Amino acid sequence: METKVQKQLIDYFSYFDEFHTAVKTSLKDCQNCAASINKLIKRCKNIKEAVVTGTPLDEFEGLQSKLSASILNLISEDVQEIRSKLEPDLTMDLLDSILNSMQKPPTASEAQKNAMRKQKEAMENRQKEERNMINRFRKRVEEKISNFIKDGKKPHLQFEPMEQMYRSIIRDVSEIAGLQVFSFGQEGIDRYSVVYLKDNGPSEDELTVRRAGGVWSEDKAAEMALAHFEKQKQAALELEEEKNRKRKRGQEELSGTFYKQKYAHLIGQEAAIDAAQKTNVNKSYGEVPSENKKDQRSIEQTMADIKAKKMKKAETEKRDADSSEQI
C-alpha cells in the first residue's frame, strides 16, 4: 500500500516539475514576444516621422516611397518573427490591426514610371549627341588646320565667332600642330580665334587693329604701311630741316669767330694762326687741366663728324622704312 502511494506521489511531483519547466519556458517566450510587440508598436509610432515632405530632400522623386517601403519591410520582418513565436489564433487579430492601421507608402503609377524613364533616356541621348558633335567639330578643325599647313601661302586661318569650349578645342589642336593662336573680340558676343604659322606670326599693326575690333585685310595692311611711310618721310624732312638750321648756324659762327679766314689777305695765314693761339689761356679748373677739356678737333672736322653721324642715322631710318613697306 505504502509503496503504491509513494509511487503515485513521485509520479505526481515529476509531472509537476515538468509542468513547471514548461510554464517557465512559455513565460520566457511570452516575455520575448512582449518585447518584440513593444518594439513593433514603437516603430509604428515613429513611421509617421519618416517623411521628407517639406525638406530639401523633397525634390528627389521617389525618395519618400523608397523610405516608407524600407520601414514597412522592417516591420513586416518583425511581424513574421512574432508570428513564428506565438500561436496564430492569439496574435492574428493584433498584428492584422497594426498592419491595417499603417499608411502604405505611395507607389508610382505606370504613367509616372514611363515619364521618368523617357526623361532619363532623353538626357542620355542629349549627352551622347553633345559628345558626337564635339568629336565632329574637332575632326573638322583638324582637317582645316592640316590644309592650312600644307598650303603655306595663306597668312592666317580665321574661324567664325564661337563659344569658349569650341575655341579651346581650336587652341588644343593648333598647339599640338605647333602653330600660334590668338583670340580677339568680346567674350560671349563676337570673340573668334585666328591661327598663324609658327614662323609667320601677326604684326603689331594687325594685333592693334584686331584688338580694337577692326577687320584686318590686305587693303588695311597697305593703308597702315602707307601711314608709317608718310610718318617716316615727315620725320626725315624734319631731320633735314634741322640739319640745314644747324649748318647755317655753324657758318655764321665760322664767319664771326674765326676772323683769320676773313682777313687772311691782309694779315697772312700764319699771323692769324699765331694770334689765335695767343688768345688761349692755359689754366686749370679743378684737378683737370683745361687743355684736356678742350675739343682738339677743328670746327670743320666737328661739323663733318656731325654730318656723317646724321647721314648714317637717316640711312638707317630709310632702310627700316623700306623694310616696313615691303612687309
Protein backbone atom coordinates (compact mmCIF):
# COMPACT_ATOMS: atom_id res chain seq x y z
CA MET A 1 0.00 0.00 0.00
CA GLU A 2 2.71 2.46 1.02
CA THR A 3 4.72 1.50 -1.98
CA LYS A 4 1.82 2.28 -4.31
CA VAL A 5 1.14 5.67 -2.63
CA GLN A 6 4.80 6.62 -2.71
CA LYS A 7 4.96 5.77 -6.37
CA GLN A 8 1.91 7.94 -7.07
CA LEU A 9 3.47 10.82 -5.15
CA ILE A 10 6.72 10.50 -7.06
CA ASP A 11 4.83 10.46 -10.34
CA TYR A 12 2.82 13.49 -9.26
CA PHE A 13 5.87 15.53 -8.34
CA SER A 14 7.61 14.51 -11.56
CA TYR A 15 4.61 15.69 -13.56
CA PHE A 16 4.55 18.95 -11.59
CA ASP A 17 8.23 19.51 -12.27
CA GLU A 18 7.70 19.02 -15.97
CA PHE A 19 4.71 21.35 -15.90
CA HIS A 20 6.71 23.98 -14.03
CA THR A 21 9.51 23.75 -16.58
CA ALA A 22 7.02 24.12 -19.43
CA VAL A 23 5.42 27.12 -17.72
CA LYS A 24 8.81 28.81 -17.28
CA THR A 25 9.61 28.25 -20.94
CA SER A 26 6.24 29.62 -22.02
CA LEU A 27 6.67 32.63 -19.75
CA LYS A 28 10.06 33.38 -21.26
CA ASP A 29 8.61 33.13 -24.74
CA CYS A 30 5.82 35.47 -23.72
CA GLN A 31 8.33 37.99 -22.40
CA ASN A 32 10.30 37.85 -25.66
CA CYS A 33 7.12 38.26 -27.66
CA ALA A 34 6.04 41.19 -25.49
CA ALA A 35 9.40 42.88 -26.11
CA SER A 36 9.03 42.34 -29.85
CA ILE A 37 5.49 43.73 -29.77
CA ASN A 38 6.65 46.84 -27.85
CA LYS A 39 9.43 47.34 -30.37
CA LEU A 40 6.92 46.95 -33.19
CA ILE A 41 4.49 49.45 -31.63
CA LYS A 42 7.29 51.99 -31.14
CA ARG A 43 8.36 51.62 -34.74
CA CYS A 44 4.78 52.05 -35.90
CA LYS A 45 4.59 55.32 -33.97
CA ASN A 46 7.82 56.64 -35.49
CA ILE A 47 6.90 55.79 -39.05
CA LYS A 48 4.92 59.00 -39.28
CA GLU A 49 8.12 60.95 -38.63
CA ALA A 50 9.95 59.25 -41.50
CA VAL A 51 8.84 61.73 -44.15
CA VAL A 52 10.81 64.02 -46.43
CA THR A 53 7.95 66.31 -47.48
CA GLY A 54 8.85 69.95 -46.85
CA THR A 55 12.57 69.21 -46.54
CA PRO A 56 15.43 69.73 -49.04
CA LEU A 57 15.13 66.01 -49.89
CA ASP A 58 11.64 66.56 -51.25
CA GLU A 59 13.00 67.41 -54.71
CA PHE A 60 14.27 63.85 -55.20
CA GLU A 61 11.48 61.92 -56.85
CA GLY A 62 10.59 58.52 -55.37
CA LEU A 63 12.62 59.04 -52.18
CA GLN A 64 9.55 59.08 -49.91
CA SER A 65 8.16 55.87 -51.40
CA LYS A 66 11.55 54.13 -51.03
CA LEU A 67 11.87 55.27 -47.40
CA SER A 68 8.37 54.15 -46.48
CA ALA A 69 8.84 50.83 -48.27
CA SER A 70 12.06 50.17 -46.32
CA ILE A 71 10.35 50.85 -42.98
CA LEU A 72 7.39 48.68 -43.94
CA ASN A 73 9.74 45.83 -44.83
CA LEU A 74 11.44 46.06 -41.45
CA ILE A 75 8.09 45.99 -39.64
CA SER A 76 6.93 43.06 -41.74
CA GLU A 77 10.04 41.14 -40.71
CA ASP A 78 9.24 41.77 -37.04
CA VAL A 79 5.66 40.64 -37.61
CA GLN A 80 6.84 37.43 -39.18
CA GLU A 81 9.19 36.83 -36.26
CA ILE A 82 6.35 37.35 -33.76
CA ARG A 83 4.05 35.10 -35.76
CA SER A 84 6.63 32.33 -35.66
CA LYS A 85 6.79 32.52 -31.85
CA LEU A 86 3.12 32.98 -31.00
CA GLU A 87 0.17 30.92 -31.96
CA PRO A 88 -1.73 32.34 -34.93
CA ASP A 89 -5.11 32.30 -33.25
CA LEU A 90 -3.86 34.52 -30.37
CA THR A 91 -1.93 37.19 -32.33
CA MET A 92 -3.52 37.35 -35.78
CA ASP A 93 -6.09 39.96 -34.86
CA LEU A 94 -3.49 42.21 -33.17
CA LEU A 95 -0.98 42.01 -36.00
CA ASP A 96 -3.61 42.48 -38.68
CA SER A 97 -4.95 45.55 -36.93
CA ILE A 98 -1.42 47.01 -36.70
CA LEU A 99 -0.68 46.37 -40.36
CA ASN A 100 -4.05 47.71 -41.48
CA SER A 101 -3.62 50.89 -39.40
CA MET A 102 -0.26 51.67 -41.07
CA GLN A 103 -0.27 54.05 -44.01
CA LYS A 104 1.14 52.30 -47.04
CA PRO A 105 3.87 54.13 -48.98
CA PRO A 106 2.72 55.88 -52.13
CA THR A 107 3.53 53.93 -55.25
CA ALA A 108 4.41 55.49 -58.57
CA SER A 109 1.88 54.98 -61.28
CA GLU A 110 2.76 53.48 -64.62
CA ALA A 111 2.46 56.89 -66.26
CA GLN A 112 4.98 58.39 -63.82
CA LYS A 113 7.36 55.49 -64.34
CA ASN A 114 7.14 55.91 -68.10
CA ALA A 115 7.71 59.67 -67.81
CA MET A 116 10.79 59.15 -65.61
CA ARG A 117 12.16 56.54 -67.99
CA LYS A 118 11.63 58.82 -71.01
CA GLN A 119 13.28 61.72 -69.20
CA LYS A 120 16.33 59.61 -68.40
CA GLU A 121 16.56 58.35 -71.98
CA ALA A 122 16.27 61.92 -73.33
CA MET A 123 19.09 63.10 -71.06
CA GLU A 124 21.35 60.23 -72.14
CA ASN A 125 20.59 60.96 -75.80
CA ARG A 126 21.45 64.65 -75.36
CA GLN A 127 24.77 63.81 -73.70
CA LYS A 128 25.59 61.34 -76.45
CA GLU A 129 24.71 63.88 -79.15
CA GLU A 130 26.90 66.53 -77.50
CA ARG A 131 29.86 64.14 -77.42
CA ASN A 132 29.34 63.26 -81.07
CA MET A 133 29.03 66.94 -82.01
CA ILE A 134 32.28 67.79 -80.20
CA ASN A 135 34.08 64.92 -81.92
CA ARG A 136 32.80 66.03 -85.34
CA PHE A 137 33.86 69.63 -84.66
CA ARG A 138 37.36 68.55 -83.59
CA LYS A 139 37.71 66.48 -86.75
CA ARG A 140 36.71 69.47 -88.93
CA VAL A 141 39.22 71.70 -87.12
CA GLU A 142 41.98 69.14 -87.62
CA GLU A 143 41.21 68.98 -91.35
CA LYS A 144 41.22 72.79 -91.73
CA ILE A 145 44.50 73.19 -89.86
CA SER A 146 46.10 70.35 -91.82
CA ASN A 147 45.11 72.01 -95.13
CA PHE A 148 46.34 75.38 -93.83
CA ILE A 149 49.77 73.92 -93.04
CA LYS A 150 50.01 72.11 -96.37
CA ASP A 151 49.05 75.25 -98.33
CA GLY A 152 51.62 77.50 -96.65
CA LYS A 153 50.53 80.54 -98.71
CA LYS A 154 47.73 81.91 -96.55
CA PRO A 155 48.89 84.40 -93.90
CA HIS A 156 46.41 83.09 -91.32
CA LEU A 157 43.38 80.86 -90.72
CA GLN A 158 40.44 82.67 -89.16
CA PHE A 159 37.47 80.90 -87.53
CA GLU A 160 33.99 82.32 -87.03
CA PRO A 161 32.94 83.59 -83.56
CA MET A 162 32.08 80.73 -81.19
CA GLU A 163 31.87 79.78 -77.52
CA GLN A 164 34.87 79.27 -75.29
CA MET A 165 34.51 75.46 -75.28
CA TYR A 166 34.95 75.27 -79.08
CA ARG A 167 37.78 77.85 -79.06
CA SER A 168 39.61 75.69 -76.52
CA ILE A 169 39.41 72.79 -78.99
CA ILE A 170 40.91 75.02 -81.72
CA ARG A 171 43.71 76.07 -79.38
CA ASP A 172 44.42 72.48 -78.36
CA VAL A 173 44.62 71.22 -81.96
CA SER A 174 46.77 74.22 -83.05
CA GLU A 175 49.25 73.87 -80.20
CA ILE A 176 49.63 70.17 -80.94
CA ALA A 177 50.43 71.11 -84.56
CA GLY A 178 52.99 73.73 -83.38
CA LEU A 179 51.02 76.82 -84.53
CA GLN A 180 50.25 80.18 -82.94
CA VAL A 181 46.69 81.01 -81.81
CA PHE A 182 45.24 84.43 -80.93
CA SER A 183 41.68 85.30 -79.85
CA PHE A 184 40.04 88.67 -80.47
CA GLY A 185 36.67 90.25 -79.72
CA GLN A 186 34.35 90.38 -76.73
CA GLU A 187 33.54 87.22 -74.80
CA GLY A 188 30.01 86.00 -75.41
CA ILE A 189 29.45 88.41 -78.34
CA ASP A 190 31.92 88.13 -81.21
CA ARG A 191 35.11 86.54 -79.86
CA TYR A 192 36.90 84.47 -82.51
CA SER A 193 40.23 82.66 -82.96
CA VAL A 194 42.93 83.18 -85.60
CA VAL A 195 45.68 80.62 -86.30
CA TYR A 196 49.13 81.61 -87.64
CA LEU A 197 52.17 79.65 -88.71
CA LYS A 198 54.90 79.39 -86.11
CA ASP A 199 57.44 81.43 -88.12
CA ASN A 200 54.94 83.92 -89.58
CA GLY A 201 53.01 85.45 -86.70
CA PRO A 202 50.87 88.61 -86.76
CA SER A 203 52.46 92.05 -86.96
CA GLU A 204 51.96 94.72 -84.35
CA ASP A 205 49.68 96.62 -86.74
CA GLU A 206 47.46 93.57 -87.20
CA LEU A 207 47.26 92.92 -83.47
CA THR A 208 46.38 96.57 -82.85
CA VAL A 209 43.62 96.58 -85.46
CA ARG A 210 42.08 93.27 -84.37
CA ARG A 211 42.19 94.13 -80.66
CA ALA A 212 40.42 97.40 -81.43
CA GLY A 213 37.61 95.42 -83.10
CA GLY A 214 38.66 96.17 -86.69
CA VAL A 215 38.92 93.89 -89.68
CA TRP A 216 42.41 93.05 -90.99
CA SER A 217 42.88 92.72 -94.74
CA GLU A 218 45.43 93.44 -97.46
CA ASP A 219 43.94 96.90 -98.00
CA LYS A 220 44.22 97.64 -94.29
CA ALA A 221 47.83 96.44 -94.28
CA ALA A 222 48.66 98.70 -97.25
CA GLU A 223 46.95 101.61 -95.53
CA MET A 224 48.94 101.07 -92.33
CA ALA A 225 52.20 100.71 -94.29
CA LEU A 226 51.50 103.96 -96.17
CA ALA A 227 50.80 105.73 -92.89
CA HIS A 228 54.11 104.51 -91.48
CA PHE A 229 55.93 105.62 -94.66
CA GLU A 230 54.39 109.10 -94.51
CA LYS A 231 55.33 109.35 -90.86
CA GLN A 232 58.92 108.35 -91.57
CA LYS A 233 59.05 110.72 -94.52
CA GLN A 234 57.87 113.58 -92.35
CA ALA A 235 60.48 112.67 -89.75
CA ALA A 236 63.19 112.66 -92.43
CA LEU A 237 62.10 116.12 -93.65
CA GLU A 238 62.17 117.47 -90.13
CA LEU A 239 65.62 115.99 -89.66
CA GLU A 240 66.84 117.59 -92.90
CA GLU A 241 65.46 120.95 -91.85
CA GLU A 242 67.23 120.61 -88.52
CA LYS A 243 70.47 119.83 -90.36
CA ASN A 244 70.07 122.91 -92.53
CA ARG A 245 69.44 125.11 -89.50
CA LYS A 246 72.50 123.76 -87.75
CA ARG A 247 74.60 124.11 -90.92
CA LYS A 248 73.54 127.74 -91.32
CA ARG A 249 74.20 128.45 -87.66
CA GLY A 250 77.65 126.83 -87.98
CA GLN A 251 78.52 129.01 -90.98
CA GLU A 252 77.55 132.10 -89.03
CA GLU A 253 79.77 131.00 -86.16
CA LEU A 254 82.66 130.41 -88.55
CA SER A 255 82.29 133.84 -90.17
CA GLY A 256 82.02 135.67 -86.82
CA THR A 257 84.58 133.86 -84.65
CA PHE A 258 87.40 132.79 -86.92
CA TYR A 259 88.30 136.14 -88.41
CA LYS A 260 91.56 134.74 -89.80
CA GLN A 261 89.67 133.47 -92.84
CA LYS A 262 88.07 136.86 -93.42
CA TYR A 263 91.26 138.91 -93.05
CA ALA A 264 93.82 136.36 -94.25
CA HIS A 265 94.60 138.53 -97.32
CA LEU A 266 95.65 141.41 -95.01
CA ILE A 267 97.46 139.80 -92.05
CA GLY A 268 98.51 136.50 -93.60
CA GLN A 269 97.54 132.96 -92.71
CA GLU A 270 100.40 132.32 -90.25
CA ALA A 271 99.88 135.55 -88.35
CA ALA A 272 96.21 134.79 -87.93
CA ILE A 273 97.02 131.34 -86.54
CA ASP A 274 99.60 132.78 -84.13
CA ALA A 275 97.13 135.42 -82.98
CA ALA A 276 94.50 132.81 -82.40
CA GLN A 277 96.91 130.72 -80.35
CA LYS A 278 97.92 133.67 -78.19
CA THR A 279 94.36 134.18 -77.07
CA ASN A 280 94.28 130.72 -75.45
CA VAL A 281 94.83 130.88 -71.72
CA ASN A 282 96.37 127.81 -70.17
CA LYS A 283 94.52 127.47 -66.87
CA SER A 284 93.40 124.58 -64.75
CA TYR A 285 89.83 124.17 -63.48
CA GLY A 286 89.83 121.81 -60.58
CA GLU A 287 92.04 118.73 -60.85
CA VAL A 288 91.99 118.51 -64.69
CA PRO A 289 93.99 120.93 -66.89
CA SER A 290 92.00 122.99 -69.34
CA GLU A 291 93.93 121.50 -72.27
CA ASN A 292 92.45 118.10 -71.52
CA LYS A 293 88.94 119.53 -71.52
CA LYS A 294 89.14 121.22 -74.91
CA ASP A 295 87.99 119.57 -78.10
CA GLN A 296 91.13 119.28 -80.18
CA ARG A 297 89.21 118.96 -83.45
CA SER A 298 88.71 121.90 -85.75
CA ILE A 299 85.26 123.29 -86.46
CA GLU A 300 85.32 121.80 -89.94
CA GLN A 301 86.18 118.36 -88.60
CA THR A 302 83.50 118.62 -85.91
CA MET A 303 80.83 119.63 -88.43
CA ALA A 304 81.93 116.89 -90.77
CA ASP A 305 81.64 114.30 -87.98
CA ILE A 306 78.18 115.55 -87.03
CA LYS A 307 77.05 115.47 -90.66
CA ALA A 308 78.36 111.92 -91.14
CA LYS A 309 76.58 110.73 -87.99
CA LYS A 310 73.26 112.27 -89.09
CA MET A 311 73.58 110.86 -92.61
CA LYS A 312 74.20 107.41 -91.15
CA LYS A 313 71.13 107.78 -88.91
CA ALA A 314 68.98 108.92 -91.87
CA GLU A 315 70.13 105.96 -93.97
CA THR A 316 69.26 103.57 -91.13
CA GLU A 317 65.77 105.04 -90.76
CA LYS A 318 65.23 104.93 -94.53
CA ARG A 319 66.31 101.29 -94.62
CA ASP A 320 63.87 100.46 -91.80
CA ALA A 321 61.09 102.29 -93.66
CA ASP A 322 61.78 100.32 -96.86
CA SER A 323 61.69 97.03 -94.95
CA SER A 324 58.36 98.01 -93.34
CA GLU A 325 56.93 98.96 -96.73
CA GLN A 326 57.92 95.57 -98.16
CA ILE A 327 56.13 93.83 -95.30
